[in-house]
Amino acid sequence: MNILWIGTKSPWPPVDGGRLIQKLTIEALVEAGADVTCVFPVVANRNDRGNGPDRPRVDLRVEEIAVSDVGWAPLLGRRLRGVPLSVGRHAFEAMDDRIKALLGESCFDVVHVEQLQAWPRAWSRTDGRPPVVLRAQNVESELWRASGGLAPAGLRSLLRREADCLARWEGTVVARAAAVVAVTETDAAKLRRLSAGRADIRVVPAPFPAGPQSREASLPGAPPLVLIGDPSWPPNRDAVRWFMGDVWPALHRVVPEASAHLFGPWARHRNEPRVHVHPAPSHSREVFIQGAVLVVPLRFASGVRMKILEAWARRIPVVATSVAATGLDAENGVHLLIADTPAQFAEAISRLQDDQPLQQRLVTSAASLLERRHRPDRVVRQLLDIYASARGGEEGAMSG
């Protein structure tokens, strides 16, 4: 199968969950025998170029198109025409031109669009031929709406209006796609409502391979608590703010030897007691270290947390909010510990500190769940079936 893959950013290096899910899916498709051509914009002043140590090790064509950031004037002009801000900032003429040229040069079986923001690049240039399959890593309008609920009063109205605009856009887009892939049942249900039931929406879990080991090193703290996240994503920004302001003081009183390790540009917390701020990792193995506990204190989110899947793969115990664990089919006390209040976080970390057999049971059960639901070869077979169905059943799914 010949696939044109269009994204909003290169997955190499996979420094965040959105890039990582792309990387793992693309590589699994190639391993299954698909021919994949990838096209990504590279915005000069965003340092987006995929030139890290994890450049693709599989045989595929990758084109990175140099573009310039969208200025405020054209962005606001698009917004006045009903285009959401987060979609308008990804509208690049150079991407349009290259995609049009590729579609003229090659006979693709399907166009895969990764994320809502990449949709205009595909639809405006294919007219539905070849069929366009959209994978929605999350429900964008839900993120904006939740962000508005937690924002300062002066911003709430603006963010809610933007959420309404995004909801209308999402509903139209998912209805026009030949098929839509959601990564959780929760997201699929929301997208069906937005499209008034007009969309063909399937659920395919995020791929993640078993096997990578945690790093044999140590972090100070008993236990060391690891928090990872890019503050440019509002849910991460809110999560760290809440954890450091409300959770950490309560937790530290109950488990005084614990230390918090923040990876990323969180310098404002550098001088807080028993808090260590580390540079953003160039590779995830710098974060998932033996003896650590991954803490995911998200209060709003969508999609699935790739950091939890990686912790499971590397056999690191996880304490997360119920929001962060949504869509994973994970059971509290079996695969991870759920904590939604400061007191619950303190209790969960205390349990892990005092009960080593509990840690072992959690990581063993989580590794088993990862193998059952997220093995890349199984996931990619589902995706290939969807591509074949979008083409009208012209050919069956590839056996891989």
Protein backbone atom coordinates (compact mmCIF):
# COMPACT_ATOMS: atom_id res chain seq x y z
CA MET A 1 0.00 0.00 0.00
CA ASN A 2 1.32 3.44 -0.97
CA ILE A 3 0.61 6.03 1.74
CA LEU A 4 1.10 9.80 1.75
CA TRP A 5 1.47 10.86 5.41
CA ILE A 6 0.91 14.54 6.22
CA GLY A 7 1.74 15.92 9.67
CA THR A 8 2.11 19.22 11.45
CA LYS A 9 5.61 18.42 12.76
CA SER A 10 8.36 15.90 12.22
CA PRO A 11 8.35 12.95 14.63
CA TRP A 12 12.16 12.87 14.73
CA PRO A 13 13.39 13.29 17.40
CA PRO A 14 10.31 12.10 19.37
CA VAL A 15 10.55 14.68 22.14
CA ASP A 16 6.83 14.71 22.97
CA GLY A 17 3.89 12.33 22.88
CA GLY A 18 2.50 13.69 19.61
CA ARG A 19 5.78 13.06 17.81
CA LEU A 20 6.30 9.68 19.44
CA ILE A 21 2.95 8.24 18.37
CA GLN A 22 3.73 9.34 14.80
CA LYS A 23 7.21 7.80 14.86
CA LEU A 24 6.02 4.45 16.17
CA THR A 25 3.07 4.26 13.74
CA ILE A 26 5.08 5.20 10.65
CA GLU A 27 7.85 2.75 11.46
CA ALA A 28 5.33 -0.04 12.13
CA LEU A 29 3.65 0.65 8.76
CA VAL A 30 6.96 0.34 6.96
CA GLU A 31 7.79 -2.86 8.85
CA ALA A 32 4.41 -4.21 7.66
CA GLY A 33 5.42 -3.63 4.05
CA ALA A 34 3.76 -0.27 3.29
CA ASP A 35 5.43 2.40 1.14
CA VAL A 36 5.24 5.63 3.13
CA THR A 37 6.04 9.17 1.99
CA CYS A 38 6.02 11.70 4.84
CA VAL A 39 5.65 15.46 4.47
CA PHE A 40 6.19 17.79 7.43
CA PRO A 41 6.58 21.56 7.76
CA VAL A 42 9.72 22.86 9.43
CA VAL A 43 9.24 26.30 10.96
CA ALA A 44 12.67 27.90 11.25
CA ASN A 45 12.17 29.73 14.54
CA ARG A 46 10.40 26.80 16.23
CA ASN A 47 13.43 24.49 15.99
CA ASP A 48 11.22 21.77 14.53
CA ARG A 49 13.73 20.06 12.26
CA GLY A 50 13.93 16.34 12.91
CA ASN A 51 17.71 16.10 13.10
CA GLY A 52 18.09 14.27 16.39
CA PRO A 53 19.61 10.86 17.14
CA ASP A 54 16.34 9.07 16.37
CA ARG A 55 16.10 9.75 12.65
CA PRO A 56 14.13 6.99 10.93
CA ARG A 57 15.91 3.66 10.69
CA VAL A 58 13.40 2.27 8.23
CA ASP A 59 13.07 2.70 4.47
CA LEU A 60 10.73 5.61 3.87
CA ARG A 61 10.73 8.96 2.12
CA VAL A 62 10.72 12.00 4.41
CA GLU A 63 10.32 15.54 3.08
CA GLU A 64 10.69 18.44 5.48
CA ILE A 65 9.33 21.63 3.92
CA ALA A 66 10.88 24.89 5.09
CA VAL A 67 8.15 27.39 6.02
CA SER A 68 7.85 30.67 7.89
CA ASP A 69 5.72 31.26 10.93
CA VAL A 70 2.28 32.66 10.13
CA GLY A 71 2.04 36.34 11.05
CA TRP A 72 -0.71 37.81 13.20
CA ALA A 73 -2.39 39.67 10.33
CA PRO A 74 -3.06 36.60 8.13
CA LEU A 75 -3.86 34.53 11.21
CA LEU A 76 -6.54 36.98 12.36
CA GLY A 77 -7.82 37.27 8.79
CA ARG A 78 -8.33 33.51 8.67
CA ARG A 79 -10.00 33.60 12.08
CA LEU A 80 -12.52 36.17 10.81
CA ARG A 81 -13.36 33.68 8.04
CA GLY A 82 -14.12 31.01 10.64
CA VAL A 83 -10.77 29.19 10.69
CA PRO A 84 -9.67 28.35 14.26
CA LEU A 85 -6.44 29.95 15.41
CA SER A 86 -4.70 26.61 16.00
CA VAL A 87 -5.60 25.53 12.45
CA GLY A 88 -4.72 28.85 10.82
CA ARG A 89 -1.21 28.87 12.26
CA HIS A 90 -0.48 25.62 10.38
CA ALA A 91 -1.62 26.91 6.97
CA PHE A 92 1.53 26.98 4.82
CA GLU A 93 1.43 27.57 1.05
CA ALA A 94 4.74 25.74 0.58
CA MET A 95 3.17 22.61 2.11
CA ASP A 96 0.15 22.97 -0.20
CA ASP A 97 2.37 23.25 -3.25
CA ARG A 98 4.55 20.26 -2.36
CA ILE A 99 1.58 18.02 -1.56
CA LYS A 100 -0.06 18.95 -4.85
CA ALA A 101 3.16 18.07 -6.67
CA LEU A 102 3.49 14.72 -4.88
CA LEU A 103 -0.08 13.78 -5.70
CA GLY A 104 0.66 14.53 -9.34
CA GLU A 105 3.89 12.52 -9.32
CA SER A 106 2.74 9.36 -7.52
CA CYS A 107 -0.36 7.19 -7.30
CA PHE A 108 -1.10 7.03 -3.60
CA ASP A 109 -3.66 4.58 -2.23
CA VAL A 110 -4.53 6.75 0.75
CA VAL A 111 -3.60 10.06 2.36
CA HIS A 112 -3.09 9.85 6.11
CA VAL A 113 -3.58 13.17 7.92
CA GLU A 114 -2.11 13.34 11.40
CA GLN A 115 -4.11 15.76 13.53
CA LEU A 116 -6.88 18.20 12.74
CA GLN A 117 -4.47 21.05 11.96
CA ALA A 118 -2.98 19.18 8.98
CA TRP A 119 -6.40 18.57 7.36
CA PRO A 120 -6.56 21.60 5.00
CA ARG A 121 -3.25 20.54 3.48
CA ALA A 122 -4.84 17.27 2.39
CA TRP A 123 -8.43 18.01 1.46
CA SER A 124 -7.83 21.13 -0.59
CA ARG A 125 -5.35 19.22 -2.78
CA THR A 126 -6.94 15.77 -3.13
CA ASP A 127 -10.68 16.44 -3.53
CA GLY A 128 -11.20 13.11 -1.78
CA ARG A 129 -9.12 11.17 -4.32
CA PRO A 130 -7.21 9.29 -2.99
CA PRO A 131 -9.28 8.89 0.17
CA VAL A 132 -8.19 10.90 3.20
CA VAL A 133 -7.98 9.21 6.60
CA LEU A 134 -7.65 11.51 9.61
CA ARG A 135 -6.10 10.35 12.87
CA ALA A 136 -7.21 12.60 15.72
CA GLN A 137 -4.68 12.24 18.52
CA ASN A 138 -7.13 14.18 20.69
CA VAL A 139 -10.29 16.28 20.53
CA GLU A 140 -8.93 19.80 20.09
CA SER A 141 -12.11 21.66 21.01
CA GLU A 142 -12.34 19.79 24.32
CA LEU A 143 -8.82 20.87 25.26
CA TRP A 144 -9.59 24.52 24.55
CA ARG A 145 -12.87 24.33 26.46
CA ALA A 146 -11.24 22.76 29.51
CA SER A 147 -8.40 25.25 29.35
CA GLY A 148 -10.95 28.06 29.36
CA GLY A 149 -12.56 26.67 32.50
CA LEU A 150 -9.25 26.90 34.39
CA ALA A 151 -7.98 30.16 32.86
CA PRO A 152 -8.02 33.58 34.52
CA ALA A 153 -11.41 35.27 34.27
CA GLY A 154 -10.27 37.68 31.56
CA LEU A 155 -9.34 34.85 29.19
CA ARG A 156 -12.25 32.48 29.75
CA SER A 157 -14.63 34.02 27.25
CA LEU A 158 -11.97 34.17 24.52
CA LEU A 159 -10.93 30.54 25.02
CA ARG A 160 -14.52 29.33 25.07
CA ARG A 161 -15.30 31.15 21.83
CA GLU A 162 -12.26 29.53 20.28
CA ALA A 163 -13.43 26.14 21.58
CA ASP A 164 -16.81 26.69 19.90
CA CYS A 165 -15.08 27.58 16.63
CA LEU A 166 -12.91 24.49 16.86
CA ALA A 167 -15.91 22.29 17.64
CA ARG A 168 -17.68 23.45 14.47
CA TRP A 169 -14.50 22.90 12.44
CA GLU A 170 -13.90 19.44 13.93
CA GLY A 171 -17.46 18.37 13.27
CA THR A 172 -17.18 19.38 9.60
CA VAL A 173 -13.75 17.81 9.10
CA VAL A 174 -14.49 14.42 10.64
CA ALA A 175 -17.69 14.19 8.61
CA ARG A 176 -15.76 14.80 5.36
CA ALA A 177 -12.95 12.31 5.98
CA ALA A 178 -13.21 8.86 4.42
CA ALA A 179 -12.48 7.52 7.91
CA VAL A 180 -11.39 8.95 11.25
CA VAL A 181 -9.10 7.14 13.66
CA ALA A 182 -9.41 7.99 17.36
CA VAL A 183 -7.02 6.57 19.94
CA THR A 184 -9.62 6.13 22.71
CA GLU A 185 -13.32 5.28 22.92
CA THR A 186 -13.86 8.50 24.88
CA ASP A 187 -12.50 10.63 22.04
CA ALA A 188 -14.44 8.62 19.45
CA ALA A 189 -17.73 9.29 21.26
CA LYS A 190 -16.99 13.03 21.40
CA LEU A 191 -16.09 13.16 17.71
CA ARG A 192 -19.29 11.31 16.79
CA ARG A 193 -21.31 13.92 18.68
CA LEU A 194 -19.46 16.77 16.99
CA SER A 195 -20.18 15.30 13.56
CA ALA A 196 -23.82 14.55 14.43
CA GLY A 197 -23.17 10.90 13.68
CA ARG A 198 -22.09 11.55 10.08
CA ALA A 199 -18.51 10.31 10.46
CA ASP A 200 -16.96 6.88 10.12
CA ILE A 201 -14.94 6.82 13.34
CA ARG A 202 -12.82 3.85 14.40
CA VAL A 203 -10.76 3.33 17.56
CA VAL A 204 -7.18 2.14 17.17
CA PRO A 205 -4.94 2.19 20.27
CA ALA A 206 -1.63 4.00 20.19
CA PRO A 207 1.25 1.65 19.35
CA PHE A 208 4.06 1.06 21.81
CA PRO A 209 6.62 -1.74 21.77
CA ALA A 210 7.48 -3.75 24.86
CA GLY A 211 11.08 -4.24 25.81
CA PRO A 212 12.96 -0.96 26.33
CA GLN A 213 14.63 -1.02 29.72
CA SER A 214 14.78 1.70 32.33
CA ARG A 215 18.15 3.33 32.74
CA GLU A 216 20.49 1.89 35.38
CA ALA A 217 21.19 5.10 37.21
CA SER A 218 19.75 6.87 40.22
CA LEU A 219 17.98 10.06 41.11
CA PRO A 220 17.97 11.52 44.61
CA GLY A 221 14.84 10.99 46.65
CA ALA A 222 12.98 8.19 48.35
CA PRO A 223 11.25 7.82 46.02
CA PRO A 224 12.27 10.13 43.16
CA LEU A 225 9.15 11.42 41.42
CA VAL A 226 9.48 12.23 37.72
CA LEU A 227 7.30 14.80 35.91
CA ILE A 228 7.73 15.25 32.15
CA GLY A 229 6.00 17.72 29.89
CA ASP A 230 6.37 20.62 27.53
CA PRO A 231 4.90 23.77 29.13
CA SER A 232 3.78 25.00 25.69
CA TRP A 233 0.91 22.49 25.97
CA PRO A 234 -1.68 24.06 28.34
CA PRO A 235 -2.59 20.78 30.13
CA ASN A 236 1.07 20.29 31.09
CA ARG A 237 1.39 23.87 32.27
CA ASP A 238 -1.70 23.53 34.46
CA ALA A 239 -0.60 20.11 35.77
CA VAL A 240 2.79 21.30 37.01
CA ARG A 241 1.28 24.46 38.48
CA TRP A 242 -1.28 22.40 40.42
CA PHE A 243 1.21 19.73 41.47
CA MET A 244 3.78 22.20 42.79
CA GLY A 245 1.22 24.51 44.38
CA ASP A 246 -1.22 22.04 45.95
CA VAL A 247 -0.01 18.45 45.70
CA TRP A 248 3.67 18.78 46.54
CA PRO A 249 3.27 20.46 49.97
CA ALA A 250 0.73 17.81 51.07
CA LEU A 251 2.80 14.96 49.65
CA HIS A 252 6.04 16.22 51.18
CA ARG A 253 4.48 16.25 54.66
CA VAL A 254 3.57 12.56 54.34
CA VAL A 255 6.68 11.36 52.42
CA PRO A 256 9.38 13.85 53.47
CA GLU A 257 12.23 11.99 51.74
CA ALA A 258 10.57 12.12 48.32
CA SER A 259 12.05 14.41 45.67
CA ALA A 260 10.37 15.89 42.61
CA HIS A 261 12.31 15.84 39.32
CA LEU A 262 10.93 18.16 36.64
CA PHE A 263 12.28 17.64 33.13
CA GLY A 264 11.93 20.67 30.89
CA PRO A 265 11.97 24.47 31.16
CA TRP A 266 10.50 24.72 34.67
CA ALA A 267 13.20 27.00 36.13
CA ARG A 268 10.70 28.88 38.31
CA HIS A 269 10.56 25.81 40.60
CA ARG A 270 14.33 25.36 40.87
CA ASN A 271 14.63 26.77 44.40
CA GLU A 272 11.74 24.90 45.98
CA PRO A 273 12.64 22.31 48.64
CA ARG A 274 13.59 18.84 47.35
CA VAL A 275 12.78 19.86 43.78
CA HIS A 276 15.27 19.21 40.97
CA VAL A 277 14.84 20.84 37.56
CA HIS A 278 16.55 19.02 34.69
CA PRO A 279 16.96 20.08 31.06
CA ALA A 280 14.42 18.74 28.59
CA PRO A 281 15.68 15.24 27.72
CA SER A 282 17.19 14.50 24.33
CA HIS A 283 16.05 10.88 24.81
CA SER A 284 13.39 9.42 27.07
CA ARG A 285 15.85 6.98 28.66
CA GLU A 286 17.21 10.00 30.56
CA VAL A 287 13.89 10.21 32.37
CA PHE A 288 12.77 6.62 32.98
CA ILE A 289 15.36 5.63 35.57
CA GLN A 290 15.24 2.59 37.84
CA GLY A 291 13.66 3.36 41.19
CA ALA A 292 11.71 6.37 39.92
CA VAL A 293 7.93 6.85 39.90
CA LEU A 294 6.25 8.62 36.98
CA VAL A 295 3.72 11.20 38.20
CA VAL A 296 1.09 12.48 35.73
CA PRO A 297 -1.06 15.12 37.48
CA LEU A 298 -3.12 16.28 34.47
CA ARG A 299 -6.47 17.88 35.30
CA PHE A 300 -7.63 18.03 31.69
CA ALA A 301 -6.45 16.19 28.61
CA SER A 302 -7.56 14.27 25.54
CA GLY A 303 -6.13 11.37 23.60
CA VAL A 304 -3.74 9.03 25.40
CA ARG A 305 -0.63 9.66 27.46
CA MET A 306 2.34 8.19 25.62
CA LYS A 307 4.49 8.85 28.68
CA ILE A 308 2.40 6.32 30.63
CA LEU A 309 2.80 3.72 27.90
CA GLU A 310 6.55 4.28 27.91
CA ALA A 311 6.69 3.97 31.70
CA TRP A 312 4.88 0.66 31.39
CA ALA A 313 7.29 -0.51 28.71
CA ARG A 314 10.25 0.45 30.88
CA ARG A 315 8.66 -1.07 34.02
CA ILE A 316 8.36 2.19 35.95
CA PRO A 317 5.36 2.50 38.33
CA VAL A 318 2.87 5.27 37.57
CA VAL A 319 0.68 7.51 39.72
CA ALA A 320 -1.75 9.53 37.60
CA THR A 321 -5.03 11.35 37.75
CA SER A 322 -8.10 9.61 36.40
CA VAL A 323 -8.06 12.17 33.54
CA ALA A 324 -4.49 11.19 32.61
CA ALA A 325 -5.40 7.49 32.62
CA THR A 326 -8.53 7.88 30.48
CA GLY A 327 -8.61 5.60 27.46
CA LEU A 328 -5.92 3.19 28.67
CA ASP A 329 -8.27 0.52 30.04
CA ALA A 330 -6.09 0.62 33.13
CA GLU A 331 -7.39 -0.48 36.51
CA ASN A 332 -6.54 1.41 39.68
CA GLY A 333 -4.32 -0.70 41.91
CA VAL A 334 -3.64 -3.19 39.11
CA HIS A 335 -1.79 -1.28 36.37
CA LEU A 336 -1.20 2.07 38.10
CA LEU A 337 -2.41 4.11 41.06
CA ILE A 338 -5.06 6.78 40.53
CA ALA A 339 -4.91 10.02 42.53
CA ASP A 340 -7.14 13.03 41.95
CA THR A 341 -6.50 15.09 45.08
CA PRO A 342 -3.37 16.14 46.99
CA ALA A 343 -4.24 13.71 49.79
CA GLN A 344 -4.65 10.84 47.31
CA PHE A 345 -1.29 11.60 45.72
CA ALA A 346 0.35 11.59 49.15
CA GLU A 347 -1.30 8.27 50.01
CA ALA A 348 -0.35 6.67 46.68
CA ILE A 349 3.32 7.68 46.89
CA SER A 350 3.46 6.53 50.51
CA ARG A 351 2.05 3.12 49.49
CA LEU A 352 4.64 2.71 46.78
CA GLN A 353 7.43 3.70 49.11
CA ASP A 354 6.38 1.17 51.77
CA ASP A 355 5.28 -1.71 49.55
CA GLN A 356 7.88 -2.94 47.06
CA PRO A 357 5.76 -6.00 46.09
CA LEU A 358 2.99 -3.55 45.05
CA GLN A 359 5.44 -1.81 42.73
CA GLN A 360 6.35 -5.15 41.16
CA ARG A 361 2.71 -6.17 40.70
CA LEU A 362 1.88 -2.85 39.03
CA VAL A 363 4.73 -2.94 36.53
CA THR A 364 4.12 -6.61 35.69
CA SER A 365 0.38 -6.11 35.08
CA ALA A 366 1.02 -2.91 33.11
CA ALA A 367 3.56 -4.66 30.85
CA SER A 368 0.99 -7.38 30.14
CA LEU A 369 -1.68 -4.80 29.24
CA LEU A 370 0.78 -3.00 26.97
CA GLU A 371 1.48 -6.25 25.11
CA ARG A 372 -2.23 -7.04 24.68
CA ARG A 373 -3.45 -3.63 23.47
CA HIS A 374 -0.52 -1.65 22.10
CA ARG A 375 1.83 -4.02 20.27
CA PRO A 376 2.75 -2.13 17.08
CA ASP A 377 2.20 -5.00 14.64
CA ARG A 378 -1.35 -5.55 15.95
CA VAL A 379 -2.15 -1.85 15.93
CA VAL A 380 -0.89 -1.32 12.40
CA ARG A 381 -2.97 -4.21 11.06
CA GLN A 382 -6.07 -2.38 12.31
CA LEU A 383 -4.89 0.81 10.63
CA LEU A 384 -4.22 -0.95 7.33
CA ASP A 385 -7.72 -2.46 7.44
CA ILE A 386 -9.13 1.06 7.78
CA TYR A 387 -7.07 2.30 4.83
CA ALA A 388 -8.30 -0.60 2.70
CA SER A 389 -11.90 0.03 3.72
CA ALA A 390 -11.54 3.74 2.88
CA ARG A 391 -10.45 2.72 -0.63
CA GLY A 392 -13.69 0.83 -1.04
CA GLY A 393 -12.36 -2.63 -0.36
CA GLU A 394 -10.17 -2.67 -3.45
CA GLU A 395 -7.61 -4.71 -1.58
CA GLY A 396 -7.49 -6.45 1.76
CA ALA A 397 -5.32 -5.41 4.64
CA MET A 398 -1.67 -6.30 4.36
CA SER A 399 -0.70 -9.29 6.38
CA GLY A 400 2.46 -7.76 7.76
